Amino acid sequence: MTPLTISVAMCTFNGERFLPAQLESIGTQQRVPDELVVCDDRSSDRTIAILEGFARRVPFPVRIQINAANLGSTRNFEKCISLCRGTIVALADQDDIWYRHKLRRIAESFTESSNVVAAFSDADVVDDHTRLLGLSLWTTFQFNSARQKGFANGRASAILCNHPMVTGATMAFRREYVDAMLPIPSQQFHDAWISFLLTTIGRFEVIREPLMQYRRHQHQQIGPGAGSLHFWQQFAEVTKKGRQRRFEEIDRFQELHTILIQRAENFPHAESARKEIEGKLSHLGRRARLPRPRIARVSGVLHETVTGAYWHYSNGWKSIAKDLFFP
């Protein structure tokens, strides 16, 4: 059996405030990584100096790549992942803190079964000052025990069609599948794209314990911390963006559907995943085409309610209320 090696793929951009704590948590892992690959998106602060100082102190290789031009989050992670050499790639954000057993627990997931293609965990949510907020990441996604069980038992693509439950910072996967997933289309979020395609290849290990602290702060580019974790604030934010956001979501699922057709040989469970996407697209299309007058929306909303689509592909009564009362 090929020895298990772990590459940590980290993207940085002006991260000097939180980066030292994250690097310290990676450097003191019970199971240290075999390499840390960092792609910096042209930071203008002390990020590079912090990385270089860390590289001199730790016993594992730290490879730092500075981009020639700013790539943005998705392209930067794509580049960083492609440079990794380990059999397992673990993604890392610059502003989180890992618990000391994170990589050890991830390694156990892959060594217990060769059928595991990826793993992800829960996380404790903290604020700018690393104070626990009394929330877990999965709670903010409503990733309850029933969904966790379904995810682990073959319904992962259906659950991800409802909501992207897998945050990149909590995920690790086998590097042998990277070529099938790259390149990542520019409008996609790297973690949503990668996690969905991995569910069509093999089994995800659902690690129910928090393995890290996920930092929520106002300067995040993407992720649950970029908005509010409270329902009514989330509700107002989504409503404000309205139909544009829904059409963007349609485009992202259409891109997933296309790659599952074009590269079907790489994805053993592509057919069932395509059917889930087709249902999602149908539901999103009906919601996007709802007329603006409230009374005229009732029949369309009723159709999606009776068929159960609001629960399978959206957020149930919350989505129904939004479609009935907001444009």
C-alpha atoms as a PDB file:
ATOM      1  CA  MET A   1       0.000   0.000   0.000  1.00  0.00           C
ATOM      2  CA  THR A   2       1.274   3.474  -0.904  1.00  0.00           C
ATOM      3  CA  PRO A   3       2.236   5.421   2.229  1.00  0.00           C
ATOM      4  CA  LEU A   4      -0.239   8.149   3.116  1.00  0.00           C
ATOM      5  CA  THR A   5       1.231  11.626   2.718  1.00  0.00           C
ATOM      6  CA  ILE A   6      -0.633  14.856   3.369  1.00  0.00           C
ATOM      7  CA  SER A   7      -0.259  18.171   1.583  1.00  0.00           C
ATOM      8  CA  VAL A   8      -1.878  21.228   3.129  1.00  0.00           C
ATOM      9  CA  ALA A   9      -3.012  23.700   0.456  1.00  0.00           C
ATOM     10  CA  MET A  10      -3.323  27.246   1.788  1.00  0.00           C
ATOM     11  CA  CYS A  11      -4.173  30.431  -0.071  1.00  0.00           C
ATOM     12  CA  THR A  12      -3.177  33.796   1.392  1.00  0.00           C
ATOM     13  CA  PHE A  13      -3.961  37.427   0.703  1.00  0.00           C
ATOM     14  CA  ASN A  14      -3.125  40.221   3.152  1.00  0.00           C
ATOM     15  CA  GLY A  15      -3.516  37.785   6.015  1.00  0.00           C
ATOM     16  CA  GLU A  16      -1.036  39.143   8.552  1.00  0.00           C
ATOM     17  CA  ARG A  17      -3.651  39.644  11.291  1.00  0.00           C
ATOM     18  CA  PHE A  18      -4.747  36.025  11.669  1.00  0.00           C
ATOM     19  CA  LEU A  19      -2.110  34.059   9.746  1.00  0.00           C
ATOM     20  CA  PRO A  20       0.395  33.537  12.611  1.00  0.00           C
ATOM     21  CA  ALA A  21      -2.180  31.702  14.744  1.00  0.00           C
ATOM     22  CA  GLN A  22      -3.239  29.486  11.852  1.00  0.00           C
ATOM     23  CA  LEU A  23       0.347  28.621  10.970  1.00  0.00           C
ATOM     24  CA  GLU A  24       1.085  27.818  14.609  1.00  0.00           C
ATOM     25  CA  SER A  25      -1.881  25.433  14.690  1.00  0.00           C
ATOM     26  CA  ILE A  26      -0.627  23.660  11.564  1.00  0.00           C
ATOM     27  CA  GLY A  27       2.950  23.484  12.819  1.00  0.00           C
ATOM     28  CA  THR A  28       1.921  21.860  16.121  1.00  0.00           C
ATOM     29  CA  GLN A  29      -0.317  19.140  14.694  1.00  0.00           C
ATOM     30  CA  GLN A  30      -0.065  15.716  16.309  1.00  0.00           C
ATOM     31  CA  ARG A  31       0.352  14.387  12.788  1.00  0.00           C
ATOM     32  CA  VAL A  32       2.338  17.083  10.987  1.00  0.00           C
ATOM     33  CA  PRO A  33       1.793  17.558   7.243  1.00  0.00           C
ATOM     34  CA  ASP A  34       4.322  16.268   4.740  1.00  0.00           C
ATOM     35  CA  GLU A  35       4.290  19.664   3.074  1.00  0.00           C
ATOM     36  CA  LEU A  36       2.541  23.016   3.225  1.00  0.00           C
ATOM     37  CA  VAL A  37       1.903  24.608  -0.160  1.00  0.00           C
ATOM     38  CA  VAL A  38       1.000  28.297  -0.063  1.00  0.00           C
ATOM     39  CA  CYS A  39      -0.143  30.403  -2.993  1.00  0.00           C
ATOM     40  CA  ASP A  40      -0.134  34.087  -2.164  1.00  0.00           C
ATOM     41  CA  ASP A  41      -2.361  36.364  -4.232  1.00  0.00           C
ATOM     42  CA  ARG A  42       0.021  39.346  -4.179  1.00  0.00           C
ATOM     43  CA  SER A  43      -0.280  40.430  -0.569  1.00  0.00           C
ATOM     44  CA  SER A  44       0.804  43.961   0.255  1.00  0.00           C
ATOM     45  CA  ASP A  45       1.230  43.418   4.005  1.00  0.00           C
ATOM     46  CA  ARG A  46       3.638  41.216   6.009  1.00  0.00           C
ATOM     47  CA  THR A  47       2.092  37.918   4.888  1.00  0.00           C
ATOM     48  CA  ILE A  48       5.153  36.725   2.926  1.00  0.00           C
ATOM     49  CA  ALA A  49       7.562  37.579   5.757  1.00  0.00           C
ATOM     50  CA  ILE A  50       5.364  35.653   8.206  1.00  0.00           C
ATOM     51  CA  LEU A  51       5.304  32.636   5.883  1.00  0.00           C
ATOM     52  CA  GLU A  52       9.060  32.700   5.332  1.00  0.00           C
ATOM     53  CA  GLY A  53       9.712  32.913   9.063  1.00  0.00           C
ATOM     54  CA  PHE A  54       7.395  29.953   9.667  1.00  0.00           C
ATOM     55  CA  ALA A  55       9.118  27.923   6.931  1.00  0.00           C
ATOM     56  CA  ARG A  56      12.458  28.298   8.709  1.00  0.00           C
ATOM     57  CA  ARG A  57      11.066  26.960  11.995  1.00  0.00           C
ATOM     58  CA  VAL A  58       9.136  23.825  11.034  1.00  0.00           C
ATOM     59  CA  PRO A  59      10.478  20.339  10.181  1.00  0.00           C
ATOM     60  CA  PHE A  60       8.376  19.910   7.011  1.00  0.00           C
ATOM     61  CA  PRO A  61       8.736  21.653   3.620  1.00  0.00           C
ATOM     62  CA  VAL A  62       6.871  24.919   3.086  1.00  0.00           C
ATOM     63  CA  ARG A  63       6.609  25.884  -0.580  1.00  0.00           C
ATOM     64  CA  ILE A  64       5.538  29.489  -1.155  1.00  0.00           C
ATOM     65  CA  GLN A  65       4.322  30.613  -4.566  1.00  0.00           C
ATOM     66  CA  ILE A  66       3.630  34.305  -5.208  1.00  0.00           C
ATOM     67  CA  ASN A  67       1.220  34.847  -8.064  1.00  0.00           C
ATOM     68  CA  ALA A  68       2.322  37.041 -10.947  1.00  0.00           C
ATOM     69  CA  ALA A  69      -1.117  38.670 -10.917  1.00  0.00           C
ATOM     70  CA  ASN A  70      -4.077  38.596  -8.563  1.00  0.00           C
ATOM     71  CA  LEU A  71      -6.116  35.442  -9.294  1.00  0.00           C
ATOM     72  CA  GLY A  72      -8.973  35.670  -6.813  1.00  0.00           C
ATOM     73  CA  SER A  73      -9.978  32.976  -4.340  1.00  0.00           C
ATOM     74  CA  THR A  74     -11.189  30.257  -6.731  1.00  0.00           C
ATOM     75  CA  ARG A  75      -8.296  30.473  -9.191  1.00  0.00           C
ATOM     76  CA  ASN A  76      -5.781  30.712  -6.384  1.00  0.00           C
ATOM     77  CA  PHE A  77      -7.049  27.539  -4.723  1.00  0.00           C
ATOM     78  CA  GLU A  78      -7.077  25.785  -8.089  1.00  0.00           C
ATOM     79  CA  LYS A  79      -3.405  26.658  -8.570  1.00  0.00           C
ATOM     80  CA  CYS A  80      -2.476  25.687  -5.026  1.00  0.00           C
ATOM     81  CA  ILE A  81      -4.203  22.301  -5.254  1.00  0.00           C
ATOM     82  CA  SER A  82      -2.471  21.538  -8.558  1.00  0.00           C
ATOM     83  CA  LEU A  83       0.944  22.084  -6.933  1.00  0.00           C
ATOM     84  CA  CYS A  84       0.379  19.595  -4.101  1.00  0.00           C
ATOM     85  CA  ARG A  85       2.317  16.309  -4.125  1.00  0.00           C
ATOM     86  CA  GLY A  86       0.785  14.371  -1.220  1.00  0.00           C
ATOM     87  CA  THR A  87      -1.649  11.505  -1.619  1.00  0.00           C
ATOM     88  CA  ILE A  88      -4.141  13.569   0.425  1.00  0.00           C
ATOM     89  CA  VAL A  89      -4.799  17.289  -0.021  1.00  0.00           C
ATOM     90  CA  ALA A  90      -6.188  19.177   2.986  1.00  0.00           C
ATOM     91  CA  LEU A  91      -7.452  22.682   2.292  1.00  0.00           C
ATOM     92  CA  ALA A  92      -6.684  25.528   4.681  1.00  0.00           C
ATOM     93  CA  ASP A  93      -7.825  29.128   5.008  1.00  0.00           C
ATOM     94  CA  GLN A  94      -5.426  31.727   6.338  1.00  0.00           C
ATOM     95  CA  ASP A  95      -7.606  32.918   9.207  1.00  0.00           C
ATOM     96  CA  ASP A  96      -8.787  29.769  11.015  1.00  0.00           C
ATOM     97  CA  ILE A  97      -7.232  27.718  13.820  1.00  0.00           C
ATOM     98  CA  TRP A  98      -6.868  23.947  13.647  1.00  0.00           C
ATOM     99  CA  TYR A  99      -7.186  21.684  16.668  1.00  0.00           C
ATOM    100  CA  ARG A 100      -4.051  19.639  17.221  1.00  0.00           C
ATOM    101  CA  HIS A 101      -5.678  16.340  16.233  1.00  0.00           C
ATOM    102  CA  LYS A 102      -7.168  17.539  12.934  1.00  0.00           C
ATOM    103  CA  LEU A 103      -4.690  15.964  10.488  1.00  0.00           C
ATOM    104  CA  ARG A 104      -4.411  12.807  12.595  1.00  0.00           C
ATOM    105  CA  ARG A 105      -8.180  12.362  12.472  1.00  0.00           C
ATOM    106  CA  ILE A 106      -8.283  13.072   8.737  1.00  0.00           C
ATOM    107  CA  ALA A 107      -5.502  10.561   8.095  1.00  0.00           C
ATOM    108  CA  GLU A 108      -7.469   7.921  10.012  1.00  0.00           C
ATOM    109  CA  SER A 109     -10.468   8.461   7.734  1.00  0.00           C
ATOM    110  CA  PHE A 110      -8.449   7.612   4.640  1.00  0.00           C
ATOM    111  CA  THR A 111      -6.458   4.727   6.093  1.00  0.00           C
ATOM    112  CA  GLU A 112      -9.558   2.961   7.444  1.00  0.00           C
ATOM    113  CA  SER A 113     -10.999   2.470   3.943  1.00  0.00           C
ATOM    114  CA  SER A 114      -9.679   2.862   0.414  1.00  0.00           C
ATOM    115  CA  ASN A 115     -13.260   3.660  -0.638  1.00  0.00           C
ATOM    116  CA  VAL A 116     -13.118   7.039   1.103  1.00  0.00           C
ATOM    117  CA  VAL A 117     -12.326   9.678  -1.515  1.00  0.00           C
ATOM    118  CA  ALA A 118     -12.851  12.700   0.727  1.00  0.00           C
ATOM    119  CA  ALA A 119     -13.575  13.722   4.298  1.00  0.00           C
ATOM    120  CA  PHE A 120     -14.908  16.809   6.008  1.00  0.00           C
ATOM    121  CA  SER A 121     -15.694  17.807   9.561  1.00  0.00           C
ATOM    122  CA  ASP A 122     -17.676  20.219  11.650  1.00  0.00           C
ATOM    123  CA  ALA A 123     -16.022  23.323  13.126  1.00  0.00           C
ATOM    124  CA  ASP A 124     -16.525  25.668  16.059  1.00  0.00           C
ATOM    125  CA  VAL A 125     -17.309  29.232  14.979  1.00  0.00           C
ATOM    126  CA  VAL A 126     -15.251  32.045  16.537  1.00  0.00           C
ATOM    127  CA  ASP A 127     -15.124  35.818  16.108  1.00  0.00           C
ATOM    128  CA  ASP A 128     -12.308  38.257  15.310  1.00  0.00           C
ATOM    129  CA  HIS A 129     -10.895  37.772  18.816  1.00  0.00           C
ATOM    130  CA  THR A 130     -11.089  33.956  18.732  1.00  0.00           C
ATOM    131  CA  ARG A 131     -14.049  33.936  21.107  1.00  0.00           C
ATOM    132  CA  LEU A 132     -16.357  30.972  20.702  1.00  0.00           C
ATOM    133  CA  LEU A 133     -19.783  32.083  19.458  1.00  0.00           C
ATOM    134  CA  GLY A 134     -21.644  29.022  20.730  1.00  0.00           C
ATOM    135  CA  LEU A 135     -22.275  27.837  17.184  1.00  0.00           C
ATOM    136  CA  SER A 136     -20.964  25.002  15.089  1.00  0.00           C
ATOM    137  CA  LEU A 137     -20.506  25.424  11.347  1.00  0.00           C
ATOM    138  CA  TRP A 138     -22.947  22.605  10.628  1.00  0.00           C
ATOM    139  CA  THR A 139     -25.603  24.269  12.769  1.00  0.00           C
ATOM    140  CA  THR A 140     -25.420  27.373  10.579  1.00  0.00           C
ATOM    141  CA  PHE A 141     -26.020  25.147   7.520  1.00  0.00           C
ATOM    142  CA  GLN A 142     -28.821  23.176   9.217  1.00  0.00           C
ATOM    143  CA  PHE A 143     -26.711  20.083   8.547  1.00  0.00           C
ATOM    144  CA  ASN A 144     -28.569  18.028  11.135  1.00  0.00           C
ATOM    145  CA  SER A 145     -28.135  14.375  12.108  1.00  0.00           C
ATOM    146  CA  ALA A 146     -30.575  13.161   9.437  1.00  0.00           C
ATOM    147  CA  ARG A 147     -28.667  14.977   6.697  1.00  0.00           C
ATOM    148  CA  GLN A 148     -25.356  13.774   8.108  1.00  0.00           C
ATOM    149  CA  LYS A 149     -26.590  10.178   7.977  1.00  0.00           C
ATOM    150  CA  GLY A 150     -27.911  10.640   4.445  1.00  0.00           C
ATOM    151  CA  PHE A 151     -24.647  12.211   3.331  1.00  0.00           C
ATOM    152  CA  ALA A 152     -22.678   9.240   4.627  1.00  0.00           C
ATOM    153  CA  ASN A 153     -25.107   6.710   3.112  1.00  0.00           C
ATOM    154  CA  GLY A 154     -25.128   7.649  -0.553  1.00  0.00           C
ATOM    155  CA  ARG A 155     -27.342  10.734  -0.675  1.00  0.00           C
ATOM    156  CA  ALA A 156     -24.530  13.274  -0.673  1.00  0.00           C
ATOM    157  CA  SER A 157     -25.185  14.751  -4.133  1.00  0.00           C
ATOM    158  CA  ALA A 158     -28.891  15.189  -3.328  1.00  0.00           C
ATOM    159  CA  ILE A 159     -28.037  16.983  -0.092  1.00  0.00           C
ATOM    160  CA  LEU A 160     -25.530  19.244  -1.851  1.00  0.00           C
ATOM    161  CA  CYS A 161     -28.204  20.119  -4.395  1.00  0.00           C
ATOM    162  CA  ASN A 162     -30.181  21.493  -1.464  1.00  0.00           C
ATOM    163  CA  HIS A 163     -27.285  23.468   0.010  1.00  0.00           C
ATOM    164  CA  PRO A 164     -23.455  23.407  -0.231  1.00  0.00           C
ATOM    165  CA  MET A 165     -22.765  21.887   3.187  1.00  0.00           C
ATOM    166  CA  VAL A 166     -19.028  21.285   2.700  1.00  0.00           C
ATOM    167  CA  THR A 167     -16.759  24.189   3.609  1.00  0.00           C
ATOM    168  CA  GLY A 168     -13.355  23.957   1.947  1.00  0.00           C
ATOM    169  CA  ALA A 169     -11.441  24.688   5.135  1.00  0.00           C
ATOM    170  CA  THR A 170     -12.861  21.504   6.684  1.00  0.00           C
ATOM    171  CA  MET A 171     -12.265  19.242   3.659  1.00  0.00           C
ATOM    172  CA  ALA A 172      -9.547  16.849   2.518  1.00  0.00           C
ATOM    173  CA  PHE A 173      -9.493  14.569  -0.538  1.00  0.00           C
ATOM    174  CA  ARG A 174      -7.341  12.148  -2.490  1.00  0.00           C
ATOM    175  CA  ARG A 175      -5.047  13.928  -4.940  1.00  0.00           C
ATOM    176  CA  GLU A 176      -5.560  11.244  -7.603  1.00  0.00           C
ATOM    177  CA  TYR A 177      -8.916  12.837  -8.444  1.00  0.00           C
ATOM    178  CA  VAL A 178      -7.637  16.376  -8.926  1.00  0.00           C
ATOM    179  CA  ASP A 179      -7.252  16.173 -12.711  1.00  0.00           C
ATOM    180  CA  ALA A 180     -10.902  15.170 -13.097  1.00  0.00           C
ATOM    181  CA  MET A 181     -12.056  18.259 -11.178  1.00  0.00           C
ATOM    182  CA  LEU A 182      -9.817  20.928 -12.689  1.00  0.00           C
ATOM    183  CA  PRO A 183     -10.082  23.526 -14.086  1.00  0.00           C
ATOM    184  CA  ILE A 184     -12.717  25.165 -11.907  1.00  0.00           C
ATOM    185  CA  PRO A 185     -14.992  27.577 -13.817  1.00  0.00           C
ATOM    186  CA  SER A 186     -14.480  31.165 -12.740  1.00  0.00           C
ATOM    187  CA  GLN A 187     -17.952  31.728 -11.277  1.00  0.00           C
ATOM    188  CA  GLN A 188     -17.823  28.591  -9.143  1.00  0.00           C
ATOM    189  CA  PHE A 189     -16.864  28.459  -5.471  1.00  0.00           C
ATOM    190  CA  HIS A 190     -13.942  26.032  -5.277  1.00  0.00           C
ATOM    191  CA  ASP A 191     -15.282  24.050  -2.307  1.00  0.00           C
ATOM    192  CA  ALA A 192     -18.799  23.634  -3.716  1.00  0.00           C
ATOM    193  CA  TRP A 193     -17.422  22.516  -7.101  1.00  0.00           C
ATOM    194  CA  ILE A 194     -14.885  20.066  -5.673  1.00  0.00           C
ATOM    195  CA  SER A 195     -17.163  18.562  -3.026  1.00  0.00           C
ATOM    196  CA  PHE A 196     -20.028  17.947  -5.442  1.00  0.00           C
ATOM    197  CA  LEU A 197     -17.822  16.223  -8.011  1.00  0.00           C
ATOM    198  CA  LEU A 198     -16.179  14.096  -5.328  1.00  0.00           C
ATOM    199  CA  THR A 199     -19.582  12.789  -4.248  1.00  0.00           C
ATOM    200  CA  THR A 200     -19.988  11.365  -7.759  1.00  0.00           C
ATOM    201  CA  ILE A 201     -16.706   9.438  -7.439  1.00  0.00           C
ATOM    202  CA  GLY A 202     -16.916   7.683  -4.088  1.00  0.00           C
ATOM    203  CA  ARG A 203     -17.637   7.897  -0.389  1.00  0.00           C
ATOM    204  CA  PHE A 204     -17.290  10.985   1.773  1.00  0.00           C
ATOM    205  CA  GLU A 205     -16.298  10.431   5.380  1.00  0.00           C
ATOM    206  CA  VAL A 206     -18.480  12.635   7.595  1.00  0.00           C
ATOM    207  CA  ILE A 207     -16.456  13.555  10.690  1.00  0.00           C
ATOM    208  CA  ARG A 208     -19.028  14.713  13.207  1.00  0.00           C
ATOM    209  CA  GLU A 209     -16.665  16.353  15.673  1.00  0.00           C
ATOM    210  CA  PRO A 210     -15.291  19.884  15.216  1.00  0.00           C
ATOM    211  CA  LEU A 211     -11.664  19.680  14.092  1.00  0.00           C
ATOM    212  CA  MET A 212     -10.988  23.397  13.922  1.00  0.00           C
ATOM    213  CA  GLN A 213     -12.145  26.885  14.760  1.00  0.00           C
ATOM    214  CA  TYR A 214     -13.745  28.646  11.803  1.00  0.00           C
ATOM    215  CA  ARG A 215     -13.303  32.379  12.073  1.00  0.00           C
ATOM    216  CA  ARG A 216     -16.229  34.620  11.215  1.00  0.00           C
ATOM    217  CA  HIS A 217     -15.250  38.201  10.400  1.00  0.00           C
ATOM    218  CA  GLN A 218     -16.361  40.987   8.113  1.00  0.00           C
ATOM    219  CA  HIS A 219     -13.369  40.859   5.758  1.00  0.00           C
ATOM    220  CA  GLN A 220     -13.965  37.308   4.547  1.00  0.00           C
ATOM    221  CA  GLN A 221     -14.278  36.941   0.765  1.00  0.00           C
ATOM    222  CA  ILE A 222     -16.567  33.900   0.850  1.00  0.00           C
ATOM    223  CA  GLY A 223     -18.087  31.469   3.321  1.00  0.00           C
ATOM    224  CA  PRO A 224     -20.734  31.683   6.023  1.00  0.00           C
ATOM    225  CA  GLY A 225     -18.738  34.271   7.905  1.00  0.00           C
ATOM    226  CA  ALA A 226     -19.015  36.647   4.958  1.00  0.00           C
ATOM    227  CA  GLY A 227     -22.673  37.197   5.843  1.00  0.00           C
ATOM    228  CA  SER A 228     -24.723  36.793   8.964  1.00  0.00           C
ATOM    229  CA  LEU A 229     -25.191  33.506  10.744  1.00  0.00           C
ATOM    230  CA  HIS A 230     -28.665  34.516  11.947  1.00  0.00           C
ATOM    231  CA  PHE A 231     -31.657  33.550   9.854  1.00  0.00           C
ATOM    232  CA  TRP A 232     -33.423  36.915   9.517  1.00  0.00           C
ATOM    233  CA  GLN A 233     -30.219  38.677   8.468  1.00  0.00           C
ATOM    234  CA  GLN A 234     -29.466  35.871   5.994  1.00  0.00           C
ATOM    235  CA  PHE A 235     -33.051  36.173   4.768  1.00  0.00           C
ATOM    236  CA  ALA A 236     -32.742  39.917   4.151  1.00  0.00           C
ATOM    237  CA  GLU A 237     -29.396  39.528   2.380  1.00  0.00           C
ATOM    238  CA  VAL A 238     -30.624  36.821   0.004  1.00  0.00           C
ATOM    239  CA  THR A 239     -33.846  38.714  -0.697  1.00  0.00           C
ATOM    240  CA  LYS A 240     -31.966  41.896  -1.540  1.00  0.00           C
ATOM    241  CA  LYS A 241     -30.006  40.141  -4.282  1.00  0.00           C
ATOM    242  CA  GLY A 242     -33.212  38.534  -5.566  1.00  0.00           C
ATOM    243  CA  ARG A 243     -33.366  36.922  -8.954  1.00  0.00           C
ATOM    244  CA  GLN A 244     -29.803  37.701  -9.934  1.00  0.00           C
ATOM    245  CA  ARG A 245     -28.499  35.335  -7.270  1.00  0.00           C
ATOM    246  CA  ARG A 246     -30.892  32.627  -8.401  1.00  0.00           C
ATOM    247  CA  PHE A 247     -29.778  32.894 -12.027  1.00  0.00           C
ATOM    248  CA  GLU A 248     -26.141  32.722 -10.903  1.00  0.00           C
ATOM    249  CA  GLU A 249     -26.967  29.523  -9.024  1.00  0.00           C
ATOM    250  CA  ILE A 250     -28.615  28.120 -12.151  1.00  0.00           C
ATOM    251  CA  ASP A 251     -25.457  28.834 -14.142  1.00  0.00           C
ATOM    252  CA  ARG A 252     -23.287  27.069 -11.564  1.00  0.00           C
ATOM    253  CA  PHE A 253     -25.435  23.931 -11.575  1.00  0.00           C
ATOM    254  CA  GLN A 254     -25.544  23.924 -15.361  1.00  0.00           C
ATOM    255  CA  GLU A 255     -21.738  23.906 -15.395  1.00  0.00           C
ATOM    256  CA  LEU A 256     -21.722  20.919 -13.028  1.00  0.00           C
ATOM    257  CA  HIS A 257     -24.234  19.135 -15.240  1.00  0.00           C
ATOM    258  CA  THR A 258     -22.081  19.772 -18.317  1.00  0.00           C
ATOM    259  CA  ILE A 259     -18.869  18.406 -16.819  1.00  0.00           C
ATOM    260  CA  LEU A 260     -20.671  15.277 -15.598  1.00  0.00           C
ATOM    261  CA  ILE A 261     -21.658  14.632 -19.222  1.00  0.00           C
ATOM    262  CA  GLN A 262     -18.328  15.581 -20.793  1.00  0.00           C
ATOM    263  CA  ARG A 263     -16.219  13.557 -18.331  1.00  0.00           C
ATOM    264  CA  ALA A 264     -18.702  10.863 -17.337  1.00  0.00           C
ATOM    265  CA  GLU A 265     -15.972   8.210 -17.344  1.00  0.00           C
ATOM    266  CA  ASN A 266     -14.316   9.987 -14.381  1.00  0.00           C
ATOM    267  CA  PHE A 267     -17.457  10.041 -12.242  1.00  0.00           C
ATOM    268  CA  PRO A 268     -18.981   6.594 -11.527  1.00  0.00           C
ATOM    269  CA  HIS A 269     -22.140   8.078  -9.981  1.00  0.00           C
ATOM    270  CA  ALA A 270     -22.607  10.793 -12.585  1.00  0.00           C
ATOM    271  CA  GLU A 271     -26.013   9.636 -13.786  1.00  0.00           C
ATOM    272  CA  SER A 272     -27.774   9.875 -10.437  1.00  0.00           C
ATOM    273  CA  ALA A 273     -26.065  13.209  -9.716  1.00  0.00           C
ATOM    274  CA  ARG A 274     -27.202  14.581 -13.084  1.00  0.00           C
ATOM    275  CA  LYS A 275     -30.795  13.668 -12.263  1.00  0.00           C
ATOM    276  CA  GLU A 276     -30.527  15.539  -8.977  1.00  0.00           C
ATOM    277  CA  ILE A 277     -29.115  18.570 -10.776  1.00  0.00           C
ATOM    278  CA  GLU A 278     -31.887  18.451 -13.369  1.00  0.00           C
ATOM    279  CA  GLY A 279     -34.461  18.526 -10.570  1.00  0.00           C
ATOM    280  CA  LYS A 280     -32.627  21.421  -8.935  1.00  0.00           C
ATOM    281  CA  LEU A 281     -32.490  23.354 -12.210  1.00  0.00           C
ATOM    282  CA  SER A 282     -36.185  22.814 -12.820  1.00  0.00           C
ATOM    283  CA  HIS A 283     -36.998  24.089  -9.328  1.00  0.00           C
ATOM    284  CA  LEU A 284     -34.682  27.100  -9.585  1.00  0.00           C
ATOM    285  CA  GLY A 285     -36.087  27.933 -13.008  1.00  0.00           C
ATOM    286  CA  ARG A 286     -39.655  27.936 -11.719  1.00  0.00           C
ATOM    287  CA  ARG A 287     -38.677  30.153  -8.800  1.00  0.00           C
ATOM    288  CA  ALA A 288     -36.717  32.541 -11.026  1.00  0.00           C
ATOM    289  CA  ARG A 289     -39.672  32.917 -13.390  1.00  0.00           C
ATOM    290  CA  LEU A 290     -42.254  33.715 -10.722  1.00  0.00           C
ATOM    291  CA  PRO A 291     -44.129  36.901 -11.709  1.00  0.00           C
ATOM    292  CA  ARG A 292     -43.588  40.030  -9.646  1.00  0.00           C
ATOM    293  CA  PRO A 293     -47.219  40.592  -8.540  1.00  0.00           C
ATOM    294  CA  ARG A 294     -47.644  38.610  -5.292  1.00  0.00           C
ATOM    295  CA  ILE A 295     -51.058  37.175  -6.098  1.00  0.00           C
ATOM    296  CA  ALA A 296     -49.758  35.856  -9.431  1.00  0.00           C
ATOM    297  CA  ARG A 297     -47.018  33.858  -7.680  1.00  0.00           C
ATOM    298  CA  VAL A 298     -49.392  31.671  -5.721  1.00  0.00           C
ATOM    299  CA  SER A 299     -49.959  28.970  -8.360  1.00  0.00           C
ATOM    300  CA  GLY A 300     -46.224  28.555  -9.068  1.00  0.00           C
ATOM    301  CA  VAL A 301     -45.380  28.407  -5.364  1.00  0.00           C
ATOM    302  CA  LEU A 302     -48.206  25.948  -4.766  1.00  0.00           C
ATOM    303  CA  HIS A 303     -46.879  23.638  -7.504  1.00  0.00           C
ATOM    304  CA  GLU A 304     -43.394  23.495  -5.960  1.00  0.00           C
ATOM    305  CA  THR A 305     -44.931  23.034  -2.510  1.00  0.00           C
ATOM    306  CA  VAL A 306     -47.136  20.101  -3.507  1.00  0.00           C
ATOM    307  CA  THR A 307     -44.280  18.328  -5.310  1.00  0.00           C
ATOM    308  CA  GLY A 308     -42.003  18.747  -2.277  1.00  0.00           C
ATOM    309  CA  ALA A 309     -39.411  20.632  -4.313  1.00  0.00           C
ATOM    310  CA  TYR A 310     -39.100  23.403  -1.744  1.00  0.00           C
ATOM    311  CA  TRP A 311     -37.901  20.866   0.813  1.00  0.00           C
ATOM    312  CA  HIS A 312     -35.735  18.797  -1.533  1.00  0.00           C
ATOM    313  CA  TYR A 313     -33.985  21.680  -3.280  1.00  0.00           C
ATOM    314  CA  SER A 314     -34.522  24.774  -1.096  1.00  0.00           C
ATOM    315  CA  ASN A 315     -35.240  25.700   2.533  1.00  0.00           C
ATOM    316  CA  GLY A 316     -38.851  24.599   2.865  1.00  0.00           C
ATOM    317  CA  TRP A 317     -41.236  27.085   4.464  1.00  0.00           C
ATOM    318  CA  LYS A 318     -38.559  29.783   4.563  1.00  0.00           C
ATOM    319  CA  SER A 319     -38.189  29.688   0.780  1.00  0.00           C
ATOM    320  CA  ILE A 320     -41.967  29.551   0.314  1.00  0.00           C
ATOM    321  CA  ALA A 321     -42.368  32.672   2.451  1.00  0.00           C
ATOM    322  CA  LYS A 322     -39.662  34.485   0.510  1.00  0.00           C
ATOM    323  CA  ASP A 323     -41.243  33.634  -2.840  1.00  0.00           C
ATOM    324  CA  LEU A 324     -44.702  34.698  -1.700  1.00  0.00           C
ATOM    325  CA  PHE A 325     -43.819  38.002  -0.078  1.00  0.00           C
ATOM    326  CA  PHE A 326     -40.641  39.270  -1.763  1.00  0.00           C
ATOM    327  CA  PRO A 327     -39.821  39.895  -5.448  1.00  0.00           C
END
